[in-house]
């Protein structure tokens, strides 16, 4: 099962350049990844040039000296997987949509927008309220009763949360013992 999303940049008042992303569209993955690794408008422009994605990752370009493809066993770690570049599909280019067209895209659970002030916003259709990725990511982790781990992007199962809470509690205890 995939969490589908659109990743976009606002071009004009009601014009957004968008690409589709098939996997991990939820806030603790794509939202966090965009916030941490795609807050530079130039990098977002490069991402949009790739067209539709299977998976968003930290790096856009693969190492040219190593194989990188759509196939799981031939992917480079931490590199975006794009339908056009990595699987040879055609008609995968970014598209210009109005807000209403984004909302009607179909099967989309999250829409991410880099606004004109270079802030990441998002919404969850059919809700039309734009929310701040950074603020809501902080709220999400606060509700999970953990601090957001550096460089973790993914879904939090109950077991993973229990382990992370224990880890952070232990780190906090060691830190306070070291200050004595």
C-alpha atoms as a PDB file:
ATOM      1  CA  UNK A   1       0.000   0.000   0.000  1.00  0.00           C
ATOM      2  CA  UNK A   2       1.343   3.422  -0.914  1.00  0.00           C
ATOM      3  CA  UNK A   3       0.723   6.890   0.444  1.00  0.00           C
ATOM      4  CA  UNK A   4       0.491   8.991  -2.702  1.00  0.00           C
ATOM      5  CA  UNK A   5       1.352  12.677  -2.782  1.00  0.00           C
ATOM      6  CA  UNK A   6       1.945  15.653  -5.020  1.00  0.00           C
ATOM      7  CA  UNK A   7       5.077  17.742  -4.590  1.00  0.00           C
ATOM      8  CA  UNK A   8       4.750  21.230  -6.006  1.00  0.00           C
ATOM      9  CA  UNK A   9       6.073  24.737  -6.159  1.00  0.00           C
ATOM     10  CA  UNK A  10       3.821  27.767  -6.368  1.00  0.00           C
ATOM     11  CA  UNK A  11       4.483  29.623  -9.623  1.00  0.00           C
ATOM     12  CA  UNK A  12       1.696  32.241  -9.561  1.00  0.00           C
ATOM     13  CA  UNK A  13      -1.355  32.954  -7.401  1.00  0.00           C
ATOM     14  CA  UNK A  14      -3.265  29.890  -8.623  1.00  0.00           C
ATOM     15  CA  UNK A  15      -0.610  28.014 -10.624  1.00  0.00           C
ATOM     16  CA  UNK A  16       1.459  25.184  -9.165  1.00  0.00           C
ATOM     17  CA  UNK A  17       4.082  23.079 -10.911  1.00  0.00           C
ATOM     18  CA  UNK A  18       3.574  19.527  -9.638  1.00  0.00           C
ATOM     19  CA  UNK A  19       4.992  16.048  -9.733  1.00  0.00           C
ATOM     20  CA  UNK A  20       3.411  12.879  -8.417  1.00  0.00           C
ATOM     21  CA  UNK A  21       5.174  10.770  -5.781  1.00  0.00           C
ATOM     22  CA  UNK A  22       3.909   7.212  -5.331  1.00  0.00           C
ATOM     23  CA  UNK A  23       5.379   6.181  -1.969  1.00  0.00           C
ATOM     24  CA  UNK A  24       5.635   7.458   1.599  1.00  0.00           C
ATOM     25  CA  UNK A  25       3.719  10.707   1.126  1.00  0.00           C
ATOM     26  CA  UNK A  26       2.893  11.049   4.835  1.00  0.00           C
ATOM     27  CA  UNK A  27       4.251  13.849   7.000  1.00  0.00           C
ATOM     28  CA  UNK A  28       6.959  11.866   8.830  1.00  0.00           C
ATOM     29  CA  UNK A  29       8.513  10.770   5.539  1.00  0.00           C
ATOM     30  CA  UNK A  30       7.926  13.079   2.529  1.00  0.00           C
ATOM     31  CA  UNK A  31       7.080  16.066   4.717  1.00  0.00           C
ATOM     32  CA  UNK A  32      10.228  15.654   6.820  1.00  0.00           C
ATOM     33  CA  UNK A  33      12.364  14.809   3.765  1.00  0.00           C
ATOM     34  CA  UNK A  34      11.204  17.944   1.917  1.00  0.00           C
ATOM     35  CA  UNK A  35      11.782  20.100   4.972  1.00  0.00           C
ATOM     36  CA  UNK A  36      15.266  18.728   5.656  1.00  0.00           C
ATOM     37  CA  UNK A  37      16.627  18.234   2.140  1.00  0.00           C
ATOM     38  CA  UNK A  38      14.543  20.358  -0.245  1.00  0.00           C
ATOM     39  CA  UNK A  39      14.172  23.762   1.366  1.00  0.00           C
ATOM     40  CA  UNK A  40      16.451  25.259  -1.278  1.00  0.00           C
ATOM     41  CA  UNK A  41      14.318  26.401  -4.221  1.00  0.00           C
ATOM     42  CA  UNK A  42      17.031  25.408  -6.725  1.00  0.00           C
ATOM     43  CA  UNK A  43      17.015  21.838  -5.426  1.00  0.00           C
ATOM     44  CA  UNK A  44      13.219  21.708  -5.705  1.00  0.00           C
ATOM     45  CA  UNK A  45      13.535  22.915  -9.305  1.00  0.00           C
ATOM     46  CA  UNK A  46      15.939  20.011 -10.026  1.00  0.00           C
ATOM     47  CA  UNK A  47      13.537  17.574  -8.384  1.00  0.00           C
ATOM     48  CA  UNK A  48      10.632  18.812 -10.514  1.00  0.00           C
ATOM     49  CA  UNK A  49      12.750  18.393 -13.677  1.00  0.00           C
ATOM     50  CA  UNK A  50      12.918  14.648 -12.924  1.00  0.00           C
ATOM     51  CA  UNK A  51       9.155  14.390 -13.240  1.00  0.00           C
ATOM     52  CA  UNK A  52       6.996  11.868 -11.410  1.00  0.00           C
ATOM     53  CA  UNK A  53       8.633   9.822  -8.673  1.00  0.00           C
ATOM     54  CA  UNK A  54       8.263   6.406  -7.207  1.00  0.00           C
ATOM     55  CA  UNK A  55      10.217   7.413  -4.085  1.00  0.00           C
ATOM     56  CA  UNK A  56      11.601  10.654  -2.665  1.00  0.00           C
ATOM     57  CA  UNK A  57      15.061  10.405  -1.114  1.00  0.00           C
ATOM     58  CA  UNK A  58      17.808  12.711   0.167  1.00  0.00           C
ATOM     59  CA  UNK A  59      19.757  12.925  -3.102  1.00  0.00           C
ATOM     60  CA  UNK A  60      18.504  13.709  -6.592  1.00  0.00           C
ATOM     61  CA  UNK A  61      21.418  12.494  -8.711  1.00  0.00           C
ATOM     62  CA  UNK A  62      22.915   9.028  -8.496  1.00  0.00           C
ATOM     63  CA  UNK A  63      26.639   8.448  -8.519  1.00  0.00           C
ATOM     64  CA  UNK A  64      27.415   8.059 -12.253  1.00  0.00           C
ATOM     65  CA  UNK A  65      30.037   5.388 -11.488  1.00  0.00           C
ATOM     66  CA  UNK A  66      27.484   3.000  -9.972  1.00  0.00           C
ATOM     67  CA  UNK A  67      24.297   1.448 -11.339  1.00  0.00           C
ATOM     68  CA  UNK A  68      20.996   3.020 -10.343  1.00  0.00           C
ATOM     69  CA  UNK A  69      17.639   1.889 -11.642  1.00  0.00           C
ATOM     70  CA  UNK A  70      14.038   1.384 -10.678  1.00  0.00           C
ATOM     71  CA  UNK A  71      14.780  -2.199  -9.600  1.00  0.00           C
ATOM     72  CA  UNK A  72      15.182  -2.608  -5.838  1.00  0.00           C
ATOM     73  CA  UNK A  73      18.431  -4.544  -6.116  1.00  0.00           C
ATOM     74  CA  UNK A  74      19.994  -1.931  -8.441  1.00  0.00           C
ATOM     75  CA  UNK A  75      19.100   1.268  -6.587  1.00  0.00           C
ATOM     76  CA  UNK A  76      21.634   3.508  -4.966  1.00  0.00           C
ATOM     77  CA  UNK A  77      20.899   4.204  -1.326  1.00  0.00           C
ATOM     78  CA  UNK A  78      19.377   7.616  -0.546  1.00  0.00           C
ATOM     79  CA  UNK A  79      18.771   8.484  -4.245  1.00  0.00           C
ATOM     80  CA  UNK A  80      15.394   9.527  -5.653  1.00  0.00           C
ATOM     81  CA  UNK A  81      13.694   6.915  -7.829  1.00  0.00           C
ATOM     82  CA  UNK A  82      12.045   8.544 -10.864  1.00  0.00           C
ATOM     83  CA  UNK A  83       9.760   6.887 -13.411  1.00  0.00           C
ATOM     84  CA  UNK A  84      11.345   8.615 -16.407  1.00  0.00           C
ATOM     85  CA  UNK A  85      15.047   8.527 -15.567  1.00  0.00           C
ATOM     86  CA  UNK A  86      15.113   5.196 -13.747  1.00  0.00           C
ATOM     87  CA  UNK A  87      12.480   3.129 -15.556  1.00  0.00           C
ATOM     88  CA  UNK A  88      12.422   4.820 -18.960  1.00  0.00           C
ATOM     89  CA  UNK A  89       8.733   5.760 -18.833  1.00  0.00           C
ATOM     90  CA  UNK A  90       7.503   8.609 -21.006  1.00  0.00           C
ATOM     91  CA  UNK A  91       5.058  11.427 -20.201  1.00  0.00           C
ATOM     92  CA  UNK A  92       6.332  11.778 -16.644  1.00  0.00           C
ATOM     93  CA  UNK A  93       7.069  15.512 -16.784  1.00  0.00           C
ATOM     94  CA  UNK A  94       5.856  17.984 -14.186  1.00  0.00           C
ATOM     95  CA  UNK A  95       2.489  19.599 -14.863  1.00  0.00           C
ATOM     96  CA  UNK A  96       0.992  22.996 -14.083  1.00  0.00           C
ATOM     97  CA  UNK A  97      -2.219  22.764 -12.047  1.00  0.00           C
ATOM     98  CA  UNK A  98      -4.579  25.156 -10.362  1.00  0.00           C
ATOM     99  CA  UNK A  99      -5.366  24.532  -6.698  1.00  0.00           C
ATOM    100  CA  UNK A 100      -8.674  22.873  -7.647  1.00  0.00           C
ATOM    101  CA  UNK A 101      -6.940  20.630 -10.181  1.00  0.00           C
ATOM    102  CA  UNK A 102      -4.482  19.475  -7.511  1.00  0.00           C
ATOM    103  CA  UNK A 103      -7.385  18.713  -5.192  1.00  0.00           C
ATOM    104  CA  UNK A 104      -9.048  16.640  -7.926  1.00  0.00           C
ATOM    105  CA  UNK A 105      -5.908  14.720  -8.943  1.00  0.00           C
ATOM    106  CA  UNK A 106      -7.259  11.474  -7.491  1.00  0.00           C
ATOM    107  CA  UNK A 107      -5.984   9.038  -4.898  1.00  0.00           C
ATOM    108  CA  UNK A 108      -3.709  11.723  -3.437  1.00  0.00           C
ATOM    109  CA  UNK A 109      -3.446  11.729   0.340  1.00  0.00           C
ATOM    110  CA  UNK A 110      -1.037  14.662   0.744  1.00  0.00           C
ATOM    111  CA  UNK A 111      -0.189  17.722  -1.329  1.00  0.00           C
ATOM    112  CA  UNK A 112       3.076  19.520  -0.552  1.00  0.00           C
ATOM    113  CA  UNK A 113       3.616  23.070  -1.776  1.00  0.00           C
ATOM    114  CA  UNK A 114       6.761  25.168  -1.622  1.00  0.00           C
ATOM    115  CA  UNK A 115       5.147  28.593  -1.409  1.00  0.00           C
ATOM    116  CA  UNK A 116       6.436  31.909  -2.747  1.00  0.00           C
ATOM    117  CA  UNK A 117       8.244  32.520   0.573  1.00  0.00           C
ATOM    118  CA  UNK A 118      10.084  29.167   0.307  1.00  0.00           C
ATOM    119  CA  UNK A 119       8.098  27.567   3.125  1.00  0.00           C
ATOM    120  CA  UNK A 120       6.757  24.039   2.864  1.00  0.00           C
ATOM    121  CA  UNK A 121       3.000  23.823   3.290  1.00  0.00           C
ATOM    122  CA  UNK A 122       0.754  20.820   2.925  1.00  0.00           C
ATOM    123  CA  UNK A 123      -2.840  19.716   2.918  1.00  0.00           C
ATOM    124  CA  UNK A 124      -4.731  16.466   3.017  1.00  0.00           C
ATOM    125  CA  UNK A 125      -7.557  16.374   0.469  1.00  0.00           C
ATOM    126  CA  UNK A 126     -10.450  16.866   0.648  1.00  0.00           C
ATOM    127  CA  UNK A 127      -9.430  19.326   3.391  1.00  0.00           C
ATOM    128  CA  UNK A 128      -8.478  22.579   1.652  1.00  0.00           C
ATOM    129  CA  UNK A 129      -6.652  24.157   4.603  1.00  0.00           C
ATOM    130  CA  UNK A 130      -2.959  24.736   3.990  1.00  0.00           C
ATOM    131  CA  UNK A 131      -0.852  23.772   7.000  1.00  0.00           C
ATOM    132  CA  UNK A 132       2.789  24.361   7.840  1.00  0.00           C
ATOM    133  CA  UNK A 133       4.968  21.235   7.466  1.00  0.00           C
ATOM    134  CA  UNK A 134       7.503  22.272  10.124  1.00  0.00           C
ATOM    135  CA  UNK A 135       4.878  23.158  12.742  1.00  0.00           C
ATOM    136  CA  UNK A 136       2.786  20.058  12.174  1.00  0.00           C
ATOM    137  CA  UNK A 137       5.817  17.783  12.141  1.00  0.00           C
ATOM    138  CA  UNK A 138       6.756  19.179  15.560  1.00  0.00           C
ATOM    139  CA  UNK A 139       3.178  18.593  16.768  1.00  0.00           C
ATOM    140  CA  UNK A 140       3.227  15.056  15.384  1.00  0.00           C
ATOM    141  CA  UNK A 141       6.378  14.153  17.321  1.00  0.00           C
ATOM    142  CA  UNK A 142       5.123  15.851  20.453  1.00  0.00           C
ATOM    143  CA  UNK A 143       1.948  13.750  20.253  1.00  0.00           C
ATOM    144  CA  UNK A 144       4.140  10.624  19.932  1.00  0.00           C
ATOM    145  CA  UNK A 145       6.036  11.740  23.058  1.00  0.00           C
ATOM    146  CA  UNK A 146       9.445  11.620  21.390  1.00  0.00           C
ATOM    147  CA  UNK A 147      11.885  14.126  19.963  1.00  0.00           C
ATOM    148  CA  UNK A 148      12.265  13.882  16.238  1.00  0.00           C
ATOM    149  CA  UNK A 149      15.336  11.728  15.545  1.00  0.00           C
ATOM    150  CA  UNK A 150      17.864  13.238  13.174  1.00  0.00           C
ATOM    151  CA  UNK A 151      17.774  11.642   9.720  1.00  0.00           C
ATOM    152  CA  UNK A 152      14.836   9.333  10.420  1.00  0.00           C
ATOM    153  CA  UNK A 153      12.154   9.279   7.745  1.00  0.00           C
ATOM    154  CA  UNK A 154       9.373   6.790   7.955  1.00  0.00           C
ATOM    155  CA  UNK A 155       6.304   5.342   9.555  1.00  0.00           C
ATOM    156  CA  UNK A 156       6.203   4.862  13.318  1.00  0.00           C
ATOM    157  CA  UNK A 157       4.794   1.509  14.357  1.00  0.00           C
ATOM    158  CA  UNK A 158       3.847   1.159  18.016  1.00  0.00           C
ATOM    159  CA  UNK A 159       6.854  -1.136  18.581  1.00  0.00           C
ATOM    160  CA  UNK A 160       9.231   1.359  16.924  1.00  0.00           C
ATOM    161  CA  UNK A 161       7.798   4.147  19.110  1.00  0.00           C
ATOM    162  CA  UNK A 162       8.309   2.112  22.291  1.00  0.00           C
ATOM    163  CA  UNK A 163      11.928   1.437  21.318  1.00  0.00           C
ATOM    164  CA  UNK A 164      12.573   5.100  20.464  1.00  0.00           C
ATOM    165  CA  UNK A 165      11.048   6.318  23.742  1.00  0.00           C
ATOM    166  CA  UNK A 166      13.312   3.939  25.684  1.00  0.00           C
ATOM    167  CA  UNK A 167      16.346   5.054  23.669  1.00  0.00           C
ATOM    168  CA  UNK A 168      15.618   8.753  24.213  1.00  0.00           C
ATOM    169  CA  UNK A 169      14.915   8.224  27.913  1.00  0.00           C
ATOM    170  CA  UNK A 170      18.247   6.408  28.273  1.00  0.00           C
ATOM    171  CA  UNK A 171      20.086   9.196  26.376  1.00  0.00           C
ATOM    172  CA  UNK A 172      18.478  11.821  28.581  1.00  0.00           C
ATOM    173  CA  UNK A 173      19.470   9.908  31.727  1.00  0.00           C
ATOM    174  CA  UNK A 174      23.088   9.556  30.530  1.00  0.00           C
ATOM    175  CA  UNK A 175      23.229  13.235  29.660  1.00  0.00           C
ATOM    176  CA  UNK A 176      21.934  14.319  33.071  1.00  0.00           C
ATOM    177  CA  UNK A 177      24.370  11.923  34.828  1.00  0.00           C
ATOM    178  CA  UNK A 178      27.233  13.456  32.854  1.00  0.00           C
ATOM    179  CA  UNK A 179      26.274  16.946  34.010  1.00  0.00           C
ATOM    180  CA  UNK A 180      26.550  16.001  37.699  1.00  0.00           C
END
